[in-house]
Amino acid sequence: ADKNQNKMKILFVCENYHPFYGGAETLFKNLAEGFSKKGHQVSVLTHRLKNTPKKESINQVEVQRVSSAGSRYVFTFSSLFQAIRMAGKHDLIQTTTFNGAFPAWLAGKITGKPVVLTVHEVWVGKWRSVTGFSGIKCTIHDLLERMLYLFPFYRYVCVSESTQKDLLRRGIAPEKVNVIYNGLDYGFWDPKKVKKYEIGKVQEELGLRDKYVFFCWGRPGNSKGFEYAIRAFPLVVKEKKDAMLLLMLSSASSYRQKYRELAGLVKEINRKTGSENIKMVPSSGKEELRALLRAVDCVVVPSLAEGFGFSTIEAAAMGKPVIASDAGSLPEVVSGKHLFFSSKNHLDLAEKMASALRDKFNISSARRFEWNYCIEKYIAAYSRLKTGLK
């Protein structure tokens, strides 16, 4: 009986959930399923994506989706009634910045349930530089984010120390804030999982044989800084004519303008250098990405802001050297063979890429970010909250 008393009913309120894929969604899917495996009852309230059911059970996690005109912004309001109704049947609510936070807070306020807010990045004062939004849109988002931090949540979890520092600047009480790093599935991101013939196949299909290949991947949002890698590359080619920059950009349909801008820049640089040294390839599944990581020589992470940096951790797990900007959490989480460059400085990035060609890297002890540790830290935080409320 005592064991059952320790089991919790946890409600997640988040704007996006599986099958939407991103850093926040990876965290919440692993948390929700990890809690469920440990015997806790978990429900998720999220916005309904096209061709997804209103209700389904995914790995023993009950997922309810609210029709929100296909917009995560609408979810802030369309989810209110359902969030309040579901909150009454749960012990606590887990949410995140940005669009799920208000309905979660209001549901907690009305039902008396504690709400935990996970903060991935604090963009107050940075919206223009990291999003590329119009001036008016940046002003609105900045104002809304400032308002969000005025709502008193029971607990704040930051995914890195960098994010924690930014959050404390918003006046949040330090005793309410702690850092819990995200985790990585090291069983999947294991270089031994990729067979030699798979590496050869990738190299053959993409024309990578006998070339030094730099690789960038991710969604083409403004904050990812891919244009700096592209602009740096003509200087790299002067060092080594057969060097290549491979770009794999996901969610192109959601970032049409930025994708077109990057594609145009690649075309322009290739024309100026009279080569095809920069290549864009279609986004692929995780298995294909893993094989591609084994086939390249060095990963470049040119982000302008980064709350955690999954791509950096994945590259390190696959044994690949990383050249990363000094933005956000990246200096915290990078390990193994690596180099840092000044964010937004393509000349500095070109220098570091030239150093990589000569195999001149800094080396630090490998760091591991285990999901089980992350899940246990969250459960410990929840248990303290639950105990404090009795």
Protein backbone atom coordinates (compact mmCIF):
# COMPACT_ATOMS: atom_id res chain seq x y z
CA ALA A 1 0.00 0.00 0.00
CA ASP A 2 2.86 2.34 0.87
CA LYS A 3 4.40 1.69 -2.55
CA ASN A 4 1.16 2.67 -4.30
CA GLN A 5 0.98 5.86 -2.25
CA ASN A 6 4.25 6.97 -3.81
CA LYS A 7 2.83 6.66 -7.33
CA MET A 8 1.78 9.95 -8.88
CA LYS A 9 -0.74 11.07 -11.48
CA ILE A 10 1.10 13.51 -13.73
CA LEU A 11 -0.46 15.74 -16.38
CA PHE A 12 1.70 17.18 -19.17
CA VAL A 13 0.37 20.29 -20.88
CA CYS A 14 2.56 21.07 -23.88
CA GLU A 15 1.94 22.73 -27.22
CA ASN A 16 3.65 19.95 -29.21
CA TYR A 17 4.07 16.23 -28.65
CA HIS A 18 4.89 13.13 -30.70
CA PRO A 19 4.88 12.84 -33.72
CA PHE A 20 6.20 16.43 -33.71
CA TYR A 21 9.97 16.18 -33.29
CA GLY A 22 12.23 18.71 -31.58
CA GLY A 23 14.34 19.10 -28.45
CA ALA A 24 11.43 19.89 -26.09
CA GLU A 25 9.31 17.10 -27.59
CA THR A 26 12.16 14.59 -27.21
CA LEU A 27 12.44 15.55 -23.54
CA PHE A 28 8.73 15.26 -22.80
CA LYS A 29 8.21 11.99 -24.67
CA ASN A 30 11.09 10.41 -22.74
CA LEU A 31 9.89 11.85 -19.43
CA ALA A 32 6.27 10.78 -19.95
CA GLU A 33 7.18 7.25 -21.02
CA GLY A 34 9.89 7.00 -18.36
CA PHE A 35 7.42 7.99 -15.62
CA SER A 36 4.90 5.47 -16.94
CA LYS A 37 7.49 2.64 -16.88
CA LYS A 38 8.09 3.44 -13.21
CA GLY A 39 4.40 2.95 -12.45
CA HIS A 40 3.17 6.55 -12.49
CA GLN A 41 -0.02 7.46 -14.33
CA VAL A 42 0.74 9.92 -17.12
CA SER A 43 -1.55 11.96 -19.39
CA VAL A 44 -0.57 14.46 -22.07
CA LEU A 45 -2.68 17.37 -23.33
CA THR A 46 -1.34 18.84 -26.57
CA HIS A 47 -2.45 20.51 -29.78
CA ARG A 48 -3.79 18.30 -32.53
CA LEU A 49 -1.52 17.90 -35.54
CA LYS A 50 -2.89 17.02 -38.98
CA ASN A 51 -3.78 13.32 -39.36
CA THR A 52 -3.45 12.52 -35.65
CA PRO A 53 -6.27 11.07 -33.50
CA LYS A 54 -7.95 13.09 -30.76
CA LYS A 55 -7.09 10.38 -28.23
CA GLU A 56 -4.55 7.57 -28.23
CA SER A 57 -2.28 5.64 -25.91
CA ILE A 58 1.43 5.74 -26.78
CA ASN A 59 3.59 3.39 -24.69
CA GLN A 60 1.07 3.57 -21.81
CA VAL A 61 0.90 7.38 -21.95
CA GLU A 62 -2.64 8.69 -22.55
CA VAL A 63 -2.45 11.47 -25.16
CA GLN A 64 -5.35 13.89 -25.70
CA ARG A 65 -5.16 16.37 -28.54
CA VAL A 66 -7.14 19.58 -28.78
CA SER A 67 -8.13 20.98 -32.16
CA SER A 68 -6.34 24.31 -32.40
CA ALA A 69 -6.68 25.29 -36.08
CA GLY A 70 -3.29 23.68 -36.60
CA SER A 71 -1.66 26.41 -34.52
CA ARG A 72 0.26 26.06 -31.28
CA TYR A 73 -0.61 29.70 -30.55
CA VAL A 74 -4.35 28.89 -30.60
CA PHE A 75 -3.64 25.97 -28.22
CA THR A 76 -3.03 28.51 -25.41
CA PHE A 77 -6.78 29.23 -25.42
CA SER A 78 -8.36 26.14 -27.01
CA SER A 79 -6.86 23.92 -24.28
CA LEU A 80 -8.09 25.90 -21.25
CA PHE A 81 -11.28 23.97 -20.49
CA GLN A 82 -9.69 20.56 -21.05
CA ALA A 83 -6.60 21.48 -18.99
CA ILE A 84 -8.78 22.49 -16.01
CA ARG A 85 -10.93 19.35 -16.33
CA MET A 86 -7.92 17.01 -16.54
CA ALA A 87 -5.94 18.79 -13.79
CA GLY A 88 -8.54 17.85 -11.21
CA LYS A 89 -7.76 14.15 -11.78
CA HIS A 90 -3.98 14.52 -11.40
CA ASP A 91 -1.53 15.23 -8.58
CA LEU A 92 0.56 17.78 -10.44
CA ILE A 93 1.04 19.44 -13.82
CA GLN A 94 4.21 19.55 -15.92
CA THR A 95 4.48 22.17 -18.65
CA THR A 96 7.04 24.15 -20.60
CA THR A 97 7.59 27.48 -22.27
CA PHE A 98 5.76 28.86 -24.18
CA ASN A 99 2.20 28.12 -25.37
CA GLY A 100 1.22 25.44 -22.87
CA ALA A 101 2.40 27.41 -19.84
CA PHE A 102 -0.62 29.70 -19.37
CA PRO A 103 -3.34 27.00 -19.58
CA ALA A 104 -1.25 24.80 -17.25
CA TRP A 105 -0.80 27.65 -14.75
CA LEU A 106 -4.51 28.56 -14.83
CA ALA A 107 -5.56 24.92 -14.43
CA GLY A 108 -3.23 24.61 -11.45
CA LYS A 109 -4.53 27.82 -9.93
CA ILE A 110 -8.17 26.75 -10.21
CA THR A 111 -7.69 23.13 -9.03
CA GLY A 112 -4.96 23.81 -6.44
CA LYS A 113 -2.48 21.50 -8.17
CA PRO A 114 1.24 22.42 -8.30
CA VAL A 115 2.66 23.27 -11.72
CA VAL A 116 6.29 22.64 -12.75
CA LEU A 117 7.63 24.75 -15.64
CA THR A 118 10.55 23.43 -17.69
CA VAL A 119 12.47 26.28 -19.31
CA HIS A 120 14.54 25.41 -22.38
CA GLU A 121 15.68 28.91 -23.34
CA VAL A 122 15.00 32.45 -22.17
CA TRP A 123 14.73 34.75 -25.17
CA VAL A 124 13.74 38.02 -23.47
CA GLY A 125 15.69 40.73 -25.28
CA LYS A 126 16.92 38.23 -27.90
CA TRP A 127 13.87 37.61 -30.07
CA ARG A 128 15.06 39.68 -33.02
CA SER A 129 18.55 38.16 -33.13
CA VAL A 130 17.48 34.54 -32.74
CA THR A 131 14.24 34.38 -34.74
CA GLY A 132 14.42 36.78 -37.66
CA PHE A 133 10.80 37.82 -36.92
CA SER A 134 9.57 41.29 -37.88
CA GLY A 135 10.04 44.09 -35.36
CA ILE A 136 6.36 44.03 -34.30
CA LYS A 137 6.29 40.23 -33.97
CA CYS A 138 9.48 40.29 -31.88
CA THR A 139 8.05 42.99 -29.61
CA ILE A 140 4.84 40.97 -29.05
CA HIS A 141 6.72 37.72 -28.33
CA ASP A 142 9.13 39.51 -26.02
CA LEU A 143 6.24 41.07 -24.09
CA LEU A 144 4.39 37.73 -23.83
CA GLU A 145 7.51 35.98 -22.55
CA ARG A 146 8.09 38.70 -19.93
CA MET A 147 4.45 38.24 -18.81
CA LEU A 148 4.93 34.45 -18.58
CA TYR A 149 7.66 34.84 -15.97
CA LEU A 150 5.31 36.94 -13.84
CA PHE A 151 3.07 33.90 -13.24
CA PRO A 152 4.20 32.12 -10.05
CA PHE A 153 4.94 28.45 -10.76
CA TYR A 154 5.73 26.05 -7.92
CA ARG A 155 9.00 24.91 -9.49
CA TYR A 156 11.21 25.84 -12.45
CA VAL A 157 13.46 23.28 -14.13
CA CYS A 158 16.15 24.59 -16.49
CA VAL A 159 17.81 22.27 -19.03
CA SER A 160 21.22 23.92 -18.56
CA GLU A 161 23.09 26.33 -16.28
CA SER A 162 23.10 28.86 -19.10
CA THR A 163 19.29 28.84 -19.16
CA GLN A 164 19.21 29.02 -15.36
CA LYS A 165 21.34 32.19 -15.37
CA ASP A 166 19.01 33.81 -17.91
CA LEU A 167 15.93 32.81 -15.91
CA LEU A 168 17.29 34.18 -12.61
CA ARG A 169 17.76 37.53 -14.36
CA ARG A 170 13.96 37.60 -14.74
CA GLY A 171 13.65 37.83 -10.94
CA ILE A 172 12.63 34.22 -10.26
CA ALA A 173 13.50 33.13 -6.69
CA PRO A 174 16.70 30.99 -6.83
CA GLU A 175 15.32 28.42 -4.34
CA LYS A 176 12.55 27.62 -6.84
CA VAL A 177 14.96 26.87 -9.70
CA ASN A 178 17.16 23.89 -10.43
CA VAL A 179 19.02 22.44 -13.42
CA ILE A 180 18.18 19.01 -14.84
CA TYR A 181 19.98 18.23 -18.08
CA ASN A 182 18.13 16.38 -20.82
CA GLY A 183 19.20 12.82 -21.60
CA LEU A 184 20.32 10.90 -24.65
CA ASP A 185 19.54 7.37 -25.81
CA TYR A 186 23.12 6.07 -25.90
CA GLY A 187 21.83 2.63 -26.90
CA PHE A 188 20.70 4.16 -30.19
CA TRP A 189 23.49 6.73 -30.67
CA ASP A 190 26.19 4.06 -30.67
CA PRO A 191 28.77 4.04 -33.49
CA LYS A 192 28.83 0.24 -33.36
CA LYS A 193 25.21 0.17 -34.53
CA VAL A 194 26.31 1.35 -37.99
CA LYS A 195 27.82 -1.37 -40.21
CA LYS A 196 30.79 -0.70 -42.45
CA TYR A 197 28.77 -1.32 -45.62
CA GLU A 198 26.20 1.32 -44.48
CA ILE A 199 28.96 3.92 -44.19
CA GLY A 200 30.24 3.03 -47.65
CA LYS A 201 26.73 3.24 -49.10
CA VAL A 202 26.18 6.73 -47.67
CA GLN A 203 29.57 7.93 -48.93
CA GLU A 204 28.87 6.53 -52.39
CA GLU A 205 25.35 7.94 -52.68
CA LEU A 206 26.33 11.45 -51.57
CA GLY A 207 29.75 11.61 -53.23
CA LEU A 208 31.67 11.86 -49.96
CA ARG A 209 34.50 9.43 -50.71
CA ASP A 210 38.03 10.79 -50.27
CA LYS A 211 36.72 14.14 -49.03
CA TYR A 212 36.88 15.83 -45.64
CA VAL A 213 33.20 16.34 -44.80
CA PHE A 214 31.79 18.92 -42.37
CA PHE A 215 28.17 18.27 -41.41
CA CYS A 216 25.35 20.50 -40.07
CA TRP A 217 21.79 19.40 -39.47
CA GLY A 218 18.55 20.53 -37.83
CA ARG A 219 15.55 22.73 -38.48
CA PRO A 220 16.40 25.86 -40.48
CA GLY A 221 15.24 28.31 -37.82
CA ASN A 222 17.09 31.60 -37.58
CA SER A 223 18.58 30.63 -34.21
CA LYS A 224 20.48 27.70 -35.76
CA GLY A 225 22.89 30.00 -37.60
CA PHE A 226 23.46 27.79 -40.67
CA GLU A 227 24.28 30.81 -42.84
CA TYR A 228 27.49 31.35 -40.86
CA ALA A 229 28.74 27.88 -41.76
CA ILE A 230 27.88 28.50 -45.42
CA ARG A 231 29.63 31.88 -45.48
CA ALA A 232 32.73 30.42 -43.79
CA PHE A 233 33.15 27.67 -46.32
CA PRO A 234 34.82 29.49 -49.26
CA LEU A 235 37.76 30.20 -46.92
CA VAL A 236 37.87 26.53 -45.93
CA VAL A 237 37.96 25.43 -49.58
CA LYS A 238 41.06 27.59 -50.06
CA GLU A 239 42.75 25.41 -47.43
CA LYS A 240 41.51 22.13 -48.90
CA LYS A 241 39.87 22.00 -52.34
CA ASP A 242 38.08 18.73 -51.73
CA ALA A 243 36.55 19.73 -48.37
CA MET A 244 32.76 19.50 -48.29
CA LEU A 245 29.97 21.05 -46.24
CA LEU A 246 26.89 18.87 -45.99
CA LEU A 247 23.61 20.43 -44.79
CA MET A 248 20.57 18.38 -43.79
CA LEU A 249 17.68 20.68 -42.93
CA SER A 250 14.49 19.28 -41.39
CA SER A 251 10.98 20.81 -41.17
CA ALA A 252 11.61 22.76 -44.39
CA SER A 253 7.84 23.26 -44.90
CA SER A 254 7.60 25.06 -41.54
CA TYR A 255 10.54 27.36 -42.35
CA ARG A 256 9.97 27.97 -46.07
CA GLN A 257 11.41 31.47 -46.20
CA LYS A 258 14.56 30.59 -44.24
CA TYR A 259 15.02 27.38 -46.23
CA ARG A 260 14.83 29.30 -49.53
CA GLU A 261 17.26 31.89 -48.17
CA LEU A 262 19.80 29.21 -47.20
CA ALA A 263 19.35 27.33 -50.50
CA GLY A 264 19.95 30.58 -52.40
CA LEU A 265 23.07 31.30 -50.36
CA VAL A 266 24.44 27.80 -51.07
CA LYS A 267 23.85 28.29 -54.79
CA GLU A 268 25.55 31.70 -54.74
CA ILE A 269 28.63 30.45 -52.83
CA ASN A 270 28.99 27.37 -55.05
CA ARG A 271 28.77 29.59 -58.14
CA LYS A 272 31.43 31.96 -56.80
CA THR A 273 33.81 29.13 -55.91
CA GLY A 274 33.07 27.28 -59.15
CA SER A 275 32.40 24.06 -57.25
CA GLU A 276 29.71 21.94 -55.63
CA ASN A 277 31.51 21.81 -52.29
CA ILE A 278 28.38 22.75 -50.34
CA LYS A 279 25.59 20.22 -50.66
CA MET A 280 22.06 20.21 -49.25
CA VAL A 281 20.47 16.81 -48.68
CA PRO A 282 16.86 15.95 -47.76
CA SER A 283 16.00 15.30 -44.14
CA SER A 284 15.93 11.63 -43.20
CA GLY A 285 14.95 9.33 -40.34
CA LYS A 286 17.06 8.78 -37.22
CA GLU A 287 18.67 5.57 -38.54
CA GLU A 288 19.77 7.34 -41.74
CA LEU A 289 21.05 10.30 -39.70
CA ARG A 290 23.05 7.95 -37.50
CA ALA A 291 24.67 6.33 -40.56
CA LEU A 292 25.40 9.75 -42.03
CA LEU A 293 27.08 10.86 -38.81
CA ARG A 294 29.43 7.88 -39.07
CA ALA A 295 30.25 8.79 -42.68
CA VAL A 296 31.31 12.42 -42.03
CA ASP A 297 34.48 13.79 -40.44
CA CYS A 298 33.36 16.73 -38.30
CA VAL A 299 30.07 18.21 -37.03
CA VAL A 300 29.50 21.97 -37.03
CA VAL A 301 26.93 23.53 -34.64
CA PRO A 302 26.74 27.26 -35.53
CA SER A 303 23.77 28.13 -33.25
CA LEU A 304 23.02 31.68 -32.11
CA ALA A 305 21.19 30.33 -29.05
CA GLU A 306 20.93 26.84 -27.59
CA GLY A 307 19.11 25.74 -24.44
CA PHE A 308 20.67 22.27 -24.41
CA GLY A 309 22.01 21.17 -27.80
CA PHE A 310 20.93 17.63 -28.71
CA SER A 311 22.88 17.60 -32.00
CA THR A 312 26.10 18.34 -30.11
CA ILE A 313 25.54 15.46 -27.69
CA GLU A 314 24.54 13.07 -30.49
CA ALA A 315 27.69 13.90 -32.46
CA ALA A 316 29.90 13.34 -29.42
CA ALA A 317 28.16 10.01 -28.68
CA MET A 318 28.95 8.92 -32.25
CA GLY A 319 32.60 9.76 -31.67
CA LYS A 320 32.69 12.78 -34.00
CA PRO A 321 34.65 15.98 -33.31
CA VAL A 322 32.48 19.08 -32.94
CA ILE A 323 33.01 22.72 -33.85
CA ALA A 324 30.41 24.71 -31.90
CA SER A 325 29.60 28.35 -31.32
CA ASP A 326 30.05 29.72 -27.80
CA ALA A 327 26.30 30.50 -27.57
CA GLY A 328 24.01 29.40 -24.76
CA SER A 329 24.63 25.98 -23.24
CA LEU A 330 27.07 24.69 -25.87
CA PRO A 331 30.26 25.34 -23.82
CA GLU A 332 28.61 23.37 -20.96
CA VAL A 333 27.67 20.23 -22.85
CA VAL A 334 30.38 19.78 -25.51
CA SER A 335 32.93 17.07 -24.77
CA GLY A 336 35.47 14.90 -26.57
CA LYS A 337 37.33 16.47 -29.51
CA HIS A 338 36.03 19.99 -30.02
CA LEU A 339 36.65 23.63 -30.95
CA PHE A 340 34.62 26.75 -30.13
CA PHE A 341 34.15 29.84 -32.29
CA SER A 342 32.59 33.21 -31.53
CA SER A 343 28.87 33.07 -32.32
CA LYS A 344 27.89 34.93 -35.54
CA ASN A 345 31.56 35.22 -36.60
CA HIS A 346 31.99 33.28 -39.85
CA LEU A 347 35.67 34.26 -40.11
CA ASP A 348 36.41 32.70 -36.71
CA LEU A 349 34.40 29.64 -37.74
CA ALA A 350 36.46 29.34 -40.95
CA GLU A 351 39.66 29.42 -38.87
CA LYS A 352 38.37 26.64 -36.60
CA MET A 353 37.30 24.56 -39.61
CA ALA A 354 40.80 24.99 -41.04
CA SER A 355 42.20 23.75 -37.70
CA ALA A 356 39.92 20.72 -37.95
CA LEU A 357 41.41 19.91 -41.37
CA ARG A 358 44.78 19.70 -39.62
CA ASP A 359 43.22 17.60 -36.80
CA LYS A 360 43.96 20.30 -34.23
CA PHE A 361 41.22 20.05 -31.61
CA ASN A 362 40.85 20.58 -27.90
CA ILE A 363 40.08 17.34 -26.06
CA SER A 364 38.05 16.93 -22.87
CA SER A 365 36.67 13.91 -21.02
CA ALA A 366 33.49 12.48 -22.52
CA ARG A 367 30.30 13.56 -20.74
CA ARG A 368 27.19 11.41 -20.62
CA PHE A 369 23.64 12.64 -20.20
CA GLU A 370 21.54 9.62 -19.20
CA TRP A 371 17.75 9.61 -19.49
CA ASN A 372 17.33 7.52 -16.35
CA TYR A 373 19.21 10.13 -14.30
CA CYS A 374 17.07 12.91 -15.82
CA ILE A 375 13.83 11.02 -15.06
CA GLU A 376 14.87 10.27 -11.47
CA LYS A 377 15.74 13.95 -10.86
CA TYR A 378 12.28 15.03 -12.08
CA ILE A 379 10.55 12.41 -9.91
CA ALA A 380 12.58 13.58 -6.88
CA ALA A 381 11.49 17.19 -7.57
CA TYR A 382 7.84 16.09 -7.90
CA SER A 383 7.99 14.02 -4.70
CA ARG A 384 9.30 17.00 -2.73
CA LEU A 385 6.46 19.11 -4.11
CA LYS A 386 3.86 16.51 -3.25
CA THR A 387 5.22 16.08 0.26
CA GLY A 388 5.31 19.83 0.80
CA LEU A 389 1.64 20.13 -0.13
CA LYS A 390 0.43 17.56 2.41
